[in-house]
Amino acid sequence: MIMKPLAITMGCPAGIGPEIILKYFSSVPQTKRVPAVVAGDSNVLQWYAEQLDLPCSIFPWTPEISLPTDTNTIPVYETSKLHANSITPGVYSKESAIAMVDAIFAAVRGVQNNYFSGVCTCPISKEALQLSGQHYPGHTEMLGALTDSDQQVMMMAGTSLKVTLATIHCAINDVPGLISEESLLQLFETTYKSLQIDFNLERPRIAVAALNPHASEGGMFGNEESQILVPAIKKAAKMDIHLHGPFPPDTIFFKAAKGAYDAVICMYHDQGLIPFKLLHFEDGVNVTLGLPIVRTSVDHGTAYDIAGQGVANPASLEAALEMAQSICINRERHVL
């Protein structure tokens, strides 16, 4: 099965995206490297390579050209050309923010035009995103708009634990009002189908984490479990989506990490991300479910505080590329 290369978006030029890209291409042997092209700015990559003394040979790539096989050679699908004077580690500008967004737009169009098999994104800043003139809450929402998809689900995936989220970036006070039977059923279905197709699990074992402590202890600590979660789980069973729970959040992640479940559906951001990052801080992958294209991402931010210092770890990028490749292969097999 011959796959198109993945597109790696550069991320914010002021963050650690360029550095981890350089380190991936210089540290992972060619025989083990996922076929990929950087959608971004060769000037930015060259600037960081010189500043950090990282080996780098830029290869201008277009869809008609085969990927280079030389070590330390980085194929770049040019999406912008920033001047060296506009590159400052840790400090983004409107110009760099626009370049950051242009790389994402080009990568998505590239998948839609069959240049790329999927997209693996390096981190962006939400503030820089606003400065660019694109007023999305974040990466995921922008990708949803670019692909005409309105049911994106965030999954954080690692070898020990996978979690999906009912709510993402909102205040804790808003969480109960954002959870409904309808929204949970959509989340259940998207998570279940993704585990079947993208992760090749015929009968996924999925646990649902309760919203309240002790799963509300029979109504002592809230009633969302009895009024929303349990009815949604029962309706899902009628759709042949068999879930387990809701379970007390203080125990379910331990059981899942030990192999009892393939994924845990969580009610809010930190409920899922705290245990996940405890286990997968360096090698976790952010996967967007519900899109018509494959999208994975590193599970960390721009790390402006260490940008340009040469200490960024490319492990999450390597894991994200490998997972994107695996999902692309699984989707292709499912179609066949």
C-alpha atoms as a PDB file:
ATOM      1  CA  MET A   1       0.000   0.000   0.000  1.00  0.00           C
ATOM      2  CA  ILE A   2       1.599   3.246  -1.172  1.00  0.00           C
ATOM      3  CA  MET A   3       0.610   6.236   0.925  1.00  0.00           C
ATOM      4  CA  LYS A   4       1.029   9.898   0.151  1.00  0.00           C
ATOM      5  CA  PRO A   5       3.366  11.686   2.586  1.00  0.00           C
ATOM      6  CA  LEU A   6       1.986  13.334   5.693  1.00  0.00           C
ATOM      7  CA  ALA A   7       2.088  17.117   6.004  1.00  0.00           C
ATOM      8  CA  ILE A   8       3.786  18.473   9.124  1.00  0.00           C
ATOM      9  CA  THR A   9       2.626  22.016   9.771  1.00  0.00           C
ATOM     10  CA  MET A  10       5.369  24.273  11.097  1.00  0.00           C
ATOM     11  CA  GLY A  11       3.402  25.688  14.033  1.00  0.00           C
ATOM     12  CA  CYS A  12       4.146  29.127  15.401  1.00  0.00           C
ATOM     13  CA  PRO A  13       7.552  30.323  14.111  1.00  0.00           C
ATOM     14  CA  ALA A  14       8.247  31.803  17.550  1.00  0.00           C
ATOM     15  CA  GLY A  15       7.607  28.499  19.335  1.00  0.00           C
ATOM     16  CA  ILE A  16       9.358  25.141  19.456  1.00  0.00           C
ATOM     17  CA  GLY A  17       7.672  23.729  16.339  1.00  0.00           C
ATOM     18  CA  PRO A  18      10.589  24.459  13.980  1.00  0.00           C
ATOM     19  CA  GLU A  19      13.071  23.013  16.470  1.00  0.00           C
ATOM     20  CA  ILE A  20      11.278  19.715  17.004  1.00  0.00           C
ATOM     21  CA  ILE A  21      10.852  19.347  13.234  1.00  0.00           C
ATOM     22  CA  LEU A  22      14.600  19.820  12.740  1.00  0.00           C
ATOM     23  CA  LYS A  23      15.372  17.351  15.514  1.00  0.00           C
ATOM     24  CA  TYR A  24      12.969  14.770  14.106  1.00  0.00           C
ATOM     25  CA  PHE A  25      14.609  14.811  10.696  1.00  0.00           C
ATOM     26  CA  SER A  26      18.123  14.810  12.141  1.00  0.00           C
ATOM     27  CA  SER A  27      17.625  12.189  14.869  1.00  0.00           C
ATOM     28  CA  VAL A  28      15.267   9.584  13.396  1.00  0.00           C
ATOM     29  CA  PRO A  29      17.011   7.249  10.915  1.00  0.00           C
ATOM     30  CA  GLN A  30      15.707   7.462   7.364  1.00  0.00           C
ATOM     31  CA  THR A  31      14.611   3.809   7.464  1.00  0.00           C
ATOM     32  CA  LYS A  32      12.386   4.478  10.506  1.00  0.00           C
ATOM     33  CA  ARG A  33      11.126   7.906   9.493  1.00  0.00           C
ATOM     34  CA  VAL A  34       7.493   8.399   8.538  1.00  0.00           C
ATOM     35  CA  PRO A  35       7.258   9.791   4.982  1.00  0.00           C
ATOM     36  CA  ALA A  36       6.427  13.437   5.590  1.00  0.00           C
ATOM     37  CA  VAL A  37       6.760  16.932   4.170  1.00  0.00           C
ATOM     38  CA  VAL A  38       6.937  20.157   6.170  1.00  0.00           C
ATOM     39  CA  ALA A  39       4.235  22.635   5.215  1.00  0.00           C
ATOM     40  CA  GLY A  40       5.908  25.833   6.288  1.00  0.00           C
ATOM     41  CA  ASP A  41       8.723  28.280   5.817  1.00  0.00           C
ATOM     42  CA  SER A  42      12.211  27.220   4.745  1.00  0.00           C
ATOM     43  CA  ASN A  43      13.666  30.517   5.996  1.00  0.00           C
ATOM     44  CA  VAL A  44      12.347  29.789   9.491  1.00  0.00           C
ATOM     45  CA  LEU A  45      13.745  26.254   9.501  1.00  0.00           C
ATOM     46  CA  GLN A  46      17.103  27.422   8.162  1.00  0.00           C
ATOM     47  CA  TRP A  47      17.287  30.194  10.763  1.00  0.00           C
ATOM     48  CA  TYR A  48      16.681  27.807  13.676  1.00  0.00           C
ATOM     49  CA  ALA A  49      19.074  25.244  12.200  1.00  0.00           C
ATOM     50  CA  GLU A  50      21.843  27.832  12.167  1.00  0.00           C
ATOM     51  CA  GLN A  51      21.021  29.186  15.626  1.00  0.00           C
ATOM     52  CA  LEU A  52      20.899  25.723  17.203  1.00  0.00           C
ATOM     53  CA  ASP A  53      23.676  24.178  15.088  1.00  0.00           C
ATOM     54  CA  LEU A  54      21.399  21.421  13.844  1.00  0.00           C
ATOM     55  CA  PRO A  55      22.202  19.684  10.547  1.00  0.00           C
ATOM     56  CA  CYS A  56      19.706  20.654   7.917  1.00  0.00           C
ATOM     57  CA  SER A  57      19.420  20.616   4.154  1.00  0.00           C
ATOM     58  CA  ILE A  58      16.219  22.137   2.780  1.00  0.00           C
ATOM     59  CA  PHE A  59      14.654  20.370  -0.191  1.00  0.00           C
ATOM     60  CA  PRO A  60      11.969  22.432  -1.988  1.00  0.00           C
ATOM     61  CA  TRP A  61       9.128  19.957  -2.493  1.00  0.00           C
ATOM     62  CA  THR A  62       6.121  19.997  -4.788  1.00  0.00           C
ATOM     63  CA  PRO A  63       3.523  17.244  -5.249  1.00  0.00           C
ATOM     64  CA  GLU A  64       5.126  16.084  -8.513  1.00  0.00           C
ATOM     65  CA  ILE A  65       8.477  15.327  -6.855  1.00  0.00           C
ATOM     66  CA  SER A  66       9.509  12.190  -4.959  1.00  0.00           C
ATOM     67  CA  LEU A  67      10.676  12.552  -1.376  1.00  0.00           C
ATOM     68  CA  PRO A  68      14.436  12.852  -0.856  1.00  0.00           C
ATOM     69  CA  THR A  69      16.214   9.928   0.787  1.00  0.00           C
ATOM     70  CA  ASP A  70      19.275  11.770   2.105  1.00  0.00           C
ATOM     71  CA  THR A  71      19.831  11.994   5.854  1.00  0.00           C
ATOM     72  CA  ASN A  72      19.055  15.405   7.384  1.00  0.00           C
ATOM     73  CA  THR A  73      17.307  16.531   4.204  1.00  0.00           C
ATOM     74  CA  ILE A  74      13.948  18.172   4.956  1.00  0.00           C
ATOM     75  CA  PRO A  75      11.341  18.387   2.184  1.00  0.00           C
ATOM     76  CA  VAL A  76       9.479  21.689   2.513  1.00  0.00           C
ATOM     77  CA  TYR A  77       6.207  22.609   0.851  1.00  0.00           C
ATOM     78  CA  GLU A  78       6.703  26.369   0.931  1.00  0.00           C
ATOM     79  CA  THR A  79       3.788  28.310   2.390  1.00  0.00           C
ATOM     80  CA  SER A  80       5.502  31.553   3.431  1.00  0.00           C
ATOM     81  CA  LYS A  81       8.848  33.354   3.319  1.00  0.00           C
ATOM     82  CA  LEU A  82       9.578  35.244   6.518  1.00  0.00           C
ATOM     83  CA  HIS A  83      12.608  37.491   6.676  1.00  0.00           C
ATOM     84  CA  ALA A  84      15.197  36.602   9.309  1.00  0.00           C
ATOM     85  CA  ASN A  85      14.574  39.921  11.072  1.00  0.00           C
ATOM     86  CA  SER A  86      10.987  38.860  11.822  1.00  0.00           C
ATOM     87  CA  ILE A  87      11.988  35.628  13.614  1.00  0.00           C
ATOM     88  CA  THR A  88      12.308  36.013  17.388  1.00  0.00           C
ATOM     89  CA  PRO A  89      12.022  32.930  19.605  1.00  0.00           C
ATOM     90  CA  GLY A  90       9.286  33.386  22.188  1.00  0.00           C
ATOM     91  CA  VAL A  91       7.847  36.516  20.568  1.00  0.00           C
ATOM     92  CA  TYR A  92       5.225  36.193  17.845  1.00  0.00           C
ATOM     93  CA  SER A  93       4.141  38.985  15.517  1.00  0.00           C
ATOM     94  CA  LYS A  94       1.282  39.475  13.108  1.00  0.00           C
ATOM     95  CA  GLU A  95       3.580  38.457  10.264  1.00  0.00           C
ATOM     96  CA  SER A  96       4.659  35.233  11.963  1.00  0.00           C
ATOM     97  CA  ALA A  97       1.067  34.508  13.024  1.00  0.00           C
ATOM     98  CA  ILE A  98      -0.121  34.756   9.421  1.00  0.00           C
ATOM     99  CA  ALA A  99       2.696  32.428   8.334  1.00  0.00           C
ATOM    100  CA  MET A 100       1.606  29.988  11.045  1.00  0.00           C
ATOM    101  CA  VAL A 101      -1.964  29.964   9.712  1.00  0.00           C
ATOM    102  CA  ASP A 102      -0.935  29.797   6.053  1.00  0.00           C
ATOM    103  CA  ALA A 103       0.864  26.518   6.731  1.00  0.00           C
ATOM    104  CA  ILE A 104      -2.302  24.992   8.192  1.00  0.00           C
ATOM    105  CA  PHE A 105      -4.468  26.173   5.313  1.00  0.00           C
ATOM    106  CA  ALA A 106      -2.010  24.773   2.769  1.00  0.00           C
ATOM    107  CA  ALA A 107      -1.723  21.413   4.542  1.00  0.00           C
ATOM    108  CA  VAL A 108      -5.499  20.929   4.672  1.00  0.00           C
ATOM    109  CA  ARG A 109      -5.860  21.895   1.011  1.00  0.00           C
ATOM    110  CA  GLY A 110      -3.046  19.493   0.249  1.00  0.00           C
ATOM    111  CA  VAL A 111      -4.938  16.596   1.814  1.00  0.00           C
ATOM    112  CA  GLN A 112      -8.103  17.589  -0.024  1.00  0.00           C
ATOM    113  CA  ASN A 113      -6.139  17.688  -3.294  1.00  0.00           C
ATOM    114  CA  ASN A 114      -4.536  14.292  -2.545  1.00  0.00           C
ATOM    115  CA  TYR A 115      -1.018  15.697  -2.130  1.00  0.00           C
ATOM    116  CA  PHE A 116      -0.888  14.439   1.468  1.00  0.00           C
ATOM    117  CA  SER A 117      -2.427  11.487   3.290  1.00  0.00           C
ATOM    118  CA  GLY A 118      -3.012  13.459   6.501  1.00  0.00           C
ATOM    119  CA  VAL A 119      -1.846  16.329   8.686  1.00  0.00           C
ATOM    120  CA  CYS A 120       0.373  16.339  11.769  1.00  0.00           C
ATOM    121  CA  THR A 121       0.396  19.747  13.417  1.00  0.00           C
ATOM    122  CA  CYS A 122       3.044  21.462  15.499  1.00  0.00           C
ATOM    123  CA  PRO A 123       1.810  23.798  18.252  1.00  0.00           C
ATOM    124  CA  ILE A 124       0.202  27.168  17.679  1.00  0.00           C
ATOM    125  CA  SER A 125      -0.750  29.972  20.044  1.00  0.00           C
ATOM    126  CA  LYS A 126      -4.415  30.876  20.438  1.00  0.00           C
ATOM    127  CA  GLU A 127      -3.423  34.515  20.884  1.00  0.00           C
ATOM    128  CA  ALA A 128      -1.297  34.439  17.742  1.00  0.00           C
ATOM    129  CA  LEU A 129      -4.220  32.807  15.931  1.00  0.00           C
ATOM    130  CA  GLN A 130      -6.425  35.771  16.824  1.00  0.00           C
ATOM    131  CA  LEU A 131      -3.690  38.194  15.772  1.00  0.00           C
ATOM    132  CA  SER A 132      -3.530  36.508  12.358  1.00  0.00           C
ATOM    133  CA  GLY A 133      -7.130  37.512  11.709  1.00  0.00           C
ATOM    134  CA  GLN A 134      -8.518  33.975  12.091  1.00  0.00           C
ATOM    135  CA  HIS A 135     -10.895  34.152  15.046  1.00  0.00           C
ATOM    136  CA  TYR A 136     -11.238  30.502  15.974  1.00  0.00           C
ATOM    137  CA  PRO A 137     -10.933  29.296  19.587  1.00  0.00           C
ATOM    138  CA  GLY A 138      -8.104  26.980  18.537  1.00  0.00           C
ATOM    139  CA  HIS A 139      -6.595  24.530  16.072  1.00  0.00           C
ATOM    140  CA  THR A 140      -9.423  21.991  16.272  1.00  0.00           C
ATOM    141  CA  GLU A 141     -12.210  24.447  15.542  1.00  0.00           C
ATOM    142  CA  MET A 142     -10.299  25.912  12.604  1.00  0.00           C
ATOM    143  CA  LEU A 143      -9.718  22.465  11.111  1.00  0.00           C
ATOM    144  CA  GLY A 144     -13.416  21.718  11.563  1.00  0.00           C
ATOM    145  CA  ALA A 145     -14.317  24.841   9.595  1.00  0.00           C
ATOM    146  CA  LEU A 146     -11.781  24.116   6.853  1.00  0.00           C
ATOM    147  CA  THR A 147     -13.215  20.622   6.375  1.00  0.00           C
ATOM    148  CA  ASP A 148     -16.905  21.532   6.848  1.00  0.00           C
ATOM    149  CA  SER A 149     -17.104  19.366   9.958  1.00  0.00           C
ATOM    150  CA  ASP A 150     -19.033  20.394  13.070  1.00  0.00           C
ATOM    151  CA  GLN A 151     -18.537  17.361  15.313  1.00  0.00           C
ATOM    152  CA  GLN A 152     -14.857  17.369  16.198  1.00  0.00           C
ATOM    153  CA  VAL A 153     -13.776  15.342  19.211  1.00  0.00           C
ATOM    154  CA  MET A 154     -10.452  15.723  20.993  1.00  0.00           C
ATOM    155  CA  MET A 155      -8.717  12.460  21.813  1.00  0.00           C
ATOM    156  CA  MET A 156      -5.459  12.314  23.709  1.00  0.00           C
ATOM    157  CA  ALA A 157      -3.796   9.040  22.799  1.00  0.00           C
ATOM    158  CA  GLY A 158      -0.838   7.140  24.180  1.00  0.00           C
ATOM    159  CA  THR A 159       0.284   3.560  24.511  1.00  0.00           C
ATOM    160  CA  SER A 160      -1.187   3.240  28.018  1.00  0.00           C
ATOM    161  CA  LEU A 161      -4.205   5.532  27.965  1.00  0.00           C
ATOM    162  CA  LYS A 162      -6.615   7.156  25.519  1.00  0.00           C
ATOM    163  CA  VAL A 163      -9.185   9.748  26.561  1.00  0.00           C
ATOM    164  CA  THR A 164     -11.849  11.758  24.752  1.00  0.00           C
ATOM    165  CA  LEU A 165     -13.553  14.841  26.118  1.00  0.00           C
ATOM    166  CA  ALA A 166     -17.210  15.888  26.360  1.00  0.00           C
ATOM    167  CA  THR A 167     -16.177  19.520  26.893  1.00  0.00           C
ATOM    168  CA  ILE A 168     -12.824  21.116  26.141  1.00  0.00           C
ATOM    169  CA  HIS A 169     -11.885  24.745  26.694  1.00  0.00           C
ATOM    170  CA  CYS A 170     -14.489  26.174  29.041  1.00  0.00           C
ATOM    171  CA  ALA A 171     -14.847  27.182  32.671  1.00  0.00           C
ATOM    172  CA  ILE A 172     -15.570  24.395  35.150  1.00  0.00           C
ATOM    173  CA  ASN A 173     -18.725  26.260  36.128  1.00  0.00           C
ATOM    174  CA  ASP A 174     -20.020  25.871  32.559  1.00  0.00           C
ATOM    175  CA  VAL A 175     -19.413  22.118  32.230  1.00  0.00           C
ATOM    176  CA  PRO A 176     -22.736  20.757  33.600  1.00  0.00           C
ATOM    177  CA  GLY A 177     -24.769  22.974  31.288  1.00  0.00           C
ATOM    178  CA  LEU A 178     -22.774  21.861  28.240  1.00  0.00           C
ATOM    179  CA  ILE A 179     -23.404  18.140  28.781  1.00  0.00           C
ATOM    180  CA  SER A 180     -26.585  16.669  27.342  1.00  0.00           C
ATOM    181  CA  GLU A 181     -27.820  13.269  26.221  1.00  0.00           C
ATOM    182  CA  GLU A 182     -27.594  14.386  22.601  1.00  0.00           C
ATOM    183  CA  SER A 183     -24.046  15.711  22.852  1.00  0.00           C
ATOM    184  CA  LEU A 184     -22.895  12.626  24.736  1.00  0.00           C
ATOM    185  CA  LEU A 185     -24.446  10.286  22.168  1.00  0.00           C
ATOM    186  CA  GLN A 186     -22.516  12.083  19.414  1.00  0.00           C
ATOM    187  CA  LEU A 187     -19.326  11.793  21.456  1.00  0.00           C
ATOM    188  CA  PHE A 188     -19.963   8.102  22.199  1.00  0.00           C
ATOM    189  CA  GLU A 189     -20.580   7.311  18.533  1.00  0.00           C
ATOM    190  CA  THR A 190     -17.564   9.265  17.254  1.00  0.00           C
ATOM    191  CA  THR A 191     -15.248   7.729  19.843  1.00  0.00           C
ATOM    192  CA  TYR A 192     -16.525   4.196  19.228  1.00  0.00           C
ATOM    193  CA  LYS A 193     -16.280   4.423  15.423  1.00  0.00           C
ATOM    194  CA  SER A 194     -12.807   5.949  15.588  1.00  0.00           C
ATOM    195  CA  LEU A 195     -11.536   3.156  17.817  1.00  0.00           C
ATOM    196  CA  GLN A 196     -12.985   0.640  15.387  1.00  0.00           C
ATOM    197  CA  ILE A 197     -11.665   2.227  12.191  1.00  0.00           C
ATOM    198  CA  ASP A 198      -8.675   4.405  13.119  1.00  0.00           C
ATOM    199  CA  PHE A 199      -7.309   2.092  15.812  1.00  0.00           C
ATOM    200  CA  ASN A 200      -8.523  -1.208  14.343  1.00  0.00           C
ATOM    201  CA  LEU A 201     -10.420  -2.374  17.444  1.00  0.00           C
ATOM    202  CA  GLU A 202     -13.417  -4.454  16.424  1.00  0.00           C
ATOM    203  CA  ARG A 203     -15.204  -4.231  19.806  1.00  0.00           C
ATOM    204  CA  PRO A 204     -13.732  -1.285  21.701  1.00  0.00           C
ATOM    205  CA  ARG A 205     -13.927  -1.352  25.480  1.00  0.00           C
ATOM    206  CA  ILE A 206     -14.872   2.160  26.548  1.00  0.00           C
ATOM    207  CA  ALA A 207     -15.363   3.459  30.064  1.00  0.00           C
ATOM    208  CA  VAL A 208     -17.290   6.633  30.905  1.00  0.00           C
ATOM    209  CA  ALA A 209     -15.966   8.781  33.737  1.00  0.00           C
ATOM    210  CA  ALA A 210     -18.628  10.338  35.937  1.00  0.00           C
ATOM    211  CA  LEU A 211     -18.870  14.094  36.288  1.00  0.00           C
ATOM    212  CA  ASN A 212     -19.209  14.113  40.068  1.00  0.00           C
ATOM    213  CA  PRO A 213     -17.084  12.555  42.840  1.00  0.00           C
ATOM    214  CA  HIS A 214     -17.952   8.911  43.527  1.00  0.00           C
ATOM    215  CA  ALA A 215     -20.268   9.017  40.474  1.00  0.00           C
ATOM    216  CA  SER A 216     -22.548  11.203  42.651  1.00  0.00           C
ATOM    217  CA  GLU A 217     -22.921   8.541  45.379  1.00  0.00           C
ATOM    218  CA  GLY A 218     -26.578   7.903  44.641  1.00  0.00           C
ATOM    219  CA  GLY A 219     -27.413  11.566  44.184  1.00  0.00           C
ATOM    220  CA  MET A 220     -25.568  12.945  47.220  1.00  0.00           C
ATOM    221  CA  PHE A 221     -23.127  14.935  45.071  1.00  0.00           C
ATOM    222  CA  GLY A 222     -25.188  15.865  42.023  1.00  0.00           C
ATOM    223  CA  ASN A 223     -27.649  14.251  39.660  1.00  0.00           C
ATOM    224  CA  GLU A 224     -25.977  14.488  36.239  1.00  0.00           C
ATOM    225  CA  GLU A 225     -25.126  10.794  36.362  1.00  0.00           C
ATOM    226  CA  SER A 226     -28.722   9.602  36.838  1.00  0.00           C
ATOM    227  CA  GLN A 227     -30.363  12.246  34.643  1.00  0.00           C
ATOM    228  CA  ILE A 228     -27.900  12.541  31.739  1.00  0.00           C
ATOM    229  CA  LEU A 229     -25.017  10.049  31.691  1.00  0.00           C
ATOM    230  CA  VAL A 230     -26.872   6.815  32.448  1.00  0.00           C
ATOM    231  CA  PRO A 231     -29.734   7.526  29.987  1.00  0.00           C
ATOM    232  CA  ALA A 232     -27.189   8.395  27.288  1.00  0.00           C
ATOM    233  CA  ILE A 233     -25.254   5.180  27.921  1.00  0.00           C
ATOM    234  CA  LYS A 234     -28.484   3.149  27.688  1.00  0.00           C
ATOM    235  CA  LYS A 235     -29.452   4.846  24.407  1.00  0.00           C
ATOM    236  CA  ALA A 236     -25.980   4.144  23.038  1.00  0.00           C
ATOM    237  CA  ALA A 237     -26.431   0.439  23.814  1.00  0.00           C
ATOM    238  CA  LYS A 238     -29.499   0.416  21.548  1.00  0.00           C
ATOM    239  CA  MET A 239     -27.200   1.740  18.789  1.00  0.00           C
ATOM    240  CA  ASP A 240     -24.871  -1.225  19.405  1.00  0.00           C
ATOM    241  CA  ILE A 241     -22.387   1.051  21.184  1.00  0.00           C
ATOM    242  CA  HIS A 242     -21.692  -0.729  24.442  1.00  0.00           C
ATOM    243  CA  LEU A 243     -20.085   1.413  27.131  1.00  0.00           C
ATOM    244  CA  HIS A 244     -19.190   0.843  30.769  1.00  0.00           C
ATOM    245  CA  GLY A 245     -19.916   3.228  33.622  1.00  0.00           C
ATOM    246  CA  PRO A 246     -20.267   5.938  34.668  1.00  0.00           C
ATOM    247  CA  PHE A 247     -17.376   5.211  36.986  1.00  0.00           C
ATOM    248  CA  PRO A 248     -15.878   7.317  39.780  1.00  0.00           C
ATOM    249  CA  PRO A 249     -13.111   9.374  38.169  1.00  0.00           C
ATOM    250  CA  ASP A 250     -10.626   8.651  40.955  1.00  0.00           C
ATOM    251  CA  THR A 251     -10.304   4.967  39.998  1.00  0.00           C
ATOM    252  CA  ILE A 252     -11.206   4.509  36.356  1.00  0.00           C
ATOM    253  CA  PHE A 253      -8.009   5.909  34.856  1.00  0.00           C
ATOM    254  CA  PHE A 254      -5.856   3.481  36.834  1.00  0.00           C
ATOM    255  CA  LYS A 255      -7.923   0.568  35.514  1.00  0.00           C
ATOM    256  CA  ALA A 256      -7.790   1.838  31.940  1.00  0.00           C
ATOM    257  CA  ALA A 257      -4.033   2.368  32.080  1.00  0.00           C
ATOM    258  CA  LYS A 258      -3.666  -1.227  33.283  1.00  0.00           C
ATOM    259  CA  GLY A 259      -5.489  -2.475  30.191  1.00  0.00           C
ATOM    260  CA  ALA A 260      -9.090  -2.953  31.323  1.00  0.00           C
ATOM    261  CA  TYR A 261     -10.373  -0.389  28.802  1.00  0.00           C
ATOM    262  CA  ASP A 262      -9.260   0.939  25.431  1.00  0.00           C
ATOM    263  CA  ALA A 263     -10.377   4.498  26.171  1.00  0.00           C
ATOM    264  CA  VAL A 264     -12.060   6.651  28.796  1.00  0.00           C
ATOM    265  CA  ILE A 265     -14.676   9.248  27.894  1.00  0.00           C
ATOM    266  CA  CYS A 266     -14.251  12.239  30.193  1.00  0.00           C
ATOM    267  CA  MET A 267     -16.604  15.061  31.058  1.00  0.00           C
ATOM    268  CA  TYR A 268     -14.150  17.965  31.109  1.00  0.00           C
ATOM    269  CA  HIS A 269     -10.661  18.988  30.061  1.00  0.00           C
ATOM    270  CA  ASP A 270      -8.563  18.478  33.173  1.00  0.00           C
ATOM    271  CA  GLN A 271     -10.415  15.345  34.225  1.00  0.00           C
ATOM    272  CA  GLY A 272      -8.886  13.585  31.251  1.00  0.00           C
ATOM    273  CA  LEU A 273      -5.681  15.492  30.652  1.00  0.00           C
ATOM    274  CA  ILE A 274      -4.245  15.325  34.161  1.00  0.00           C
ATOM    275  CA  PRO A 275      -4.018  11.503  34.243  1.00  0.00           C
ATOM    276  CA  PHE A 276      -3.100  11.396  30.572  1.00  0.00           C
ATOM    277  CA  LYS A 277      -0.173  13.784  30.886  1.00  0.00           C
ATOM    278  CA  LEU A 278       0.990  12.072  34.034  1.00  0.00           C
ATOM    279  CA  LEU A 279       1.527   8.976  31.876  1.00  0.00           C
ATOM    280  CA  HIS A 280       2.313  10.542  28.498  1.00  0.00           C
ATOM    281  CA  PHE A 281       3.796  13.963  29.106  1.00  0.00           C
ATOM    282  CA  GLU A 282       6.547  13.472  26.506  1.00  0.00           C
ATOM    283  CA  ASP A 283       5.025  11.043  23.999  1.00  0.00           C
ATOM    284  CA  GLY A 284       1.305  11.824  24.026  1.00  0.00           C
ATOM    285  CA  VAL A 285      -0.595  12.553  20.826  1.00  0.00           C
ATOM    286  CA  ASN A 286      -3.585  14.815  20.248  1.00  0.00           C
ATOM    287  CA  VAL A 287      -5.927  13.235  17.671  1.00  0.00           C
ATOM    288  CA  THR A 288      -8.929  15.055  16.236  1.00  0.00           C
ATOM    289  CA  LEU A 289     -11.789  12.626  15.673  1.00  0.00           C
ATOM    290  CA  GLY A 290     -14.797  13.365  13.468  1.00  0.00           C
ATOM    291  CA  LEU A 291     -12.868  15.067  10.661  1.00  0.00           C
ATOM    292  CA  PRO A 292     -12.922  13.768   7.090  1.00  0.00           C
ATOM    293  CA  ILE A 293      -9.121  14.047   7.112  1.00  0.00           C
ATOM    294  CA  VAL A 294      -6.537  12.472   9.412  1.00  0.00           C
ATOM    295  CA  ARG A 295      -5.152  14.953  11.914  1.00  0.00           C
ATOM    296  CA  THR A 296      -2.784  14.311  14.779  1.00  0.00           C
ATOM    297  CA  SER A 297      -0.772  16.796  16.779  1.00  0.00           C
ATOM    298  CA  VAL A 298       1.857  17.036  19.454  1.00  0.00           C
ATOM    299  CA  ASP A 299       0.207  17.207  22.863  1.00  0.00           C
ATOM    300  CA  HIS A 300       2.188  20.227  24.068  1.00  0.00           C
ATOM    301  CA  GLY A 301       2.078  23.938  23.425  1.00  0.00           C
ATOM    302  CA  THR A 302       4.404  26.439  21.805  1.00  0.00           C
ATOM    303  CA  ALA A 303       6.657  26.525  24.898  1.00  0.00           C
ATOM    304  CA  TYR A 304       7.727  30.102  24.212  1.00  0.00           C
ATOM    305  CA  ASP A 305       9.781  30.047  27.424  1.00  0.00           C
ATOM    306  CA  ILE A 306      12.258  27.541  25.939  1.00  0.00           C
ATOM    307  CA  ALA A 307      11.956  28.387  22.238  1.00  0.00           C
ATOM    308  CA  GLY A 308      15.298  28.773  20.524  1.00  0.00           C
ATOM    309  CA  GLN A 309      17.266  27.223  23.401  1.00  0.00           C
ATOM    310  CA  GLY A 310      17.816  23.815  21.841  1.00  0.00           C
ATOM    311  CA  VAL A 311      16.168  21.860  24.666  1.00  0.00           C
ATOM    312  CA  ALA A 312      12.799  20.986  23.081  1.00  0.00           C
ATOM    313  CA  ASN A 313      11.958  17.273  22.930  1.00  0.00           C
ATOM    314  CA  PRO A 314      10.700  15.893  19.580  1.00  0.00           C
ATOM    315  CA  ALA A 315       9.255  12.686  21.121  1.00  0.00           C
ATOM    316  CA  SER A 316       5.635  13.830  20.857  1.00  0.00           C
ATOM    317  CA  LEU A 317       6.101  14.809  17.201  1.00  0.00           C
ATOM    318  CA  GLU A 318       7.598  11.416  16.432  1.00  0.00           C
ATOM    319  CA  ALA A 319       4.677   9.679  18.177  1.00  0.00           C
ATOM    320  CA  ALA A 320       2.144  11.914  16.398  1.00  0.00           C
ATOM    321  CA  LEU A 321       3.612  11.119  12.985  1.00  0.00           C
ATOM    322  CA  GLU A 322       3.646   7.395  13.668  1.00  0.00           C
ATOM    323  CA  MET A 323       0.034   7.489  14.877  1.00  0.00           C
ATOM    324  CA  ALA A 324      -1.085   9.533  11.869  1.00  0.00           C
ATOM    325  CA  GLN A 325       0.529   7.009   9.548  1.00  0.00           C
ATOM    326  CA  SER A 326      -1.149   4.140  11.394  1.00  0.00           C
ATOM    327  CA  ILE A 327      -4.567   5.814  11.208  1.00  0.00           C
ATOM    328  CA  CYS A 328      -4.135   6.505   7.477  1.00  0.00           C
ATOM    329  CA  ILE A 329      -3.311   2.835   6.873  1.00  0.00           C
ATOM    330  CA  ASN A 330      -6.236   1.631   8.993  1.00  0.00           C
ATOM    331  CA  ARG A 331      -8.686   3.929   7.203  1.00  0.00           C
ATOM    332  CA  GLU A 332      -7.437   2.738   3.830  1.00  0.00           C
ATOM    333  CA  ARG A 333      -7.809  -0.895   4.867  1.00  0.00           C
ATOM    334  CA  HIS A 334     -11.308  -0.242   6.149  1.00  0.00           C
ATOM    335  CA  VAL A 335     -12.338   1.236   2.804  1.00  0.00           C
ATOM    336  CA  LEU A 336     -10.824  -1.711   0.933  1.00  0.00           C
END
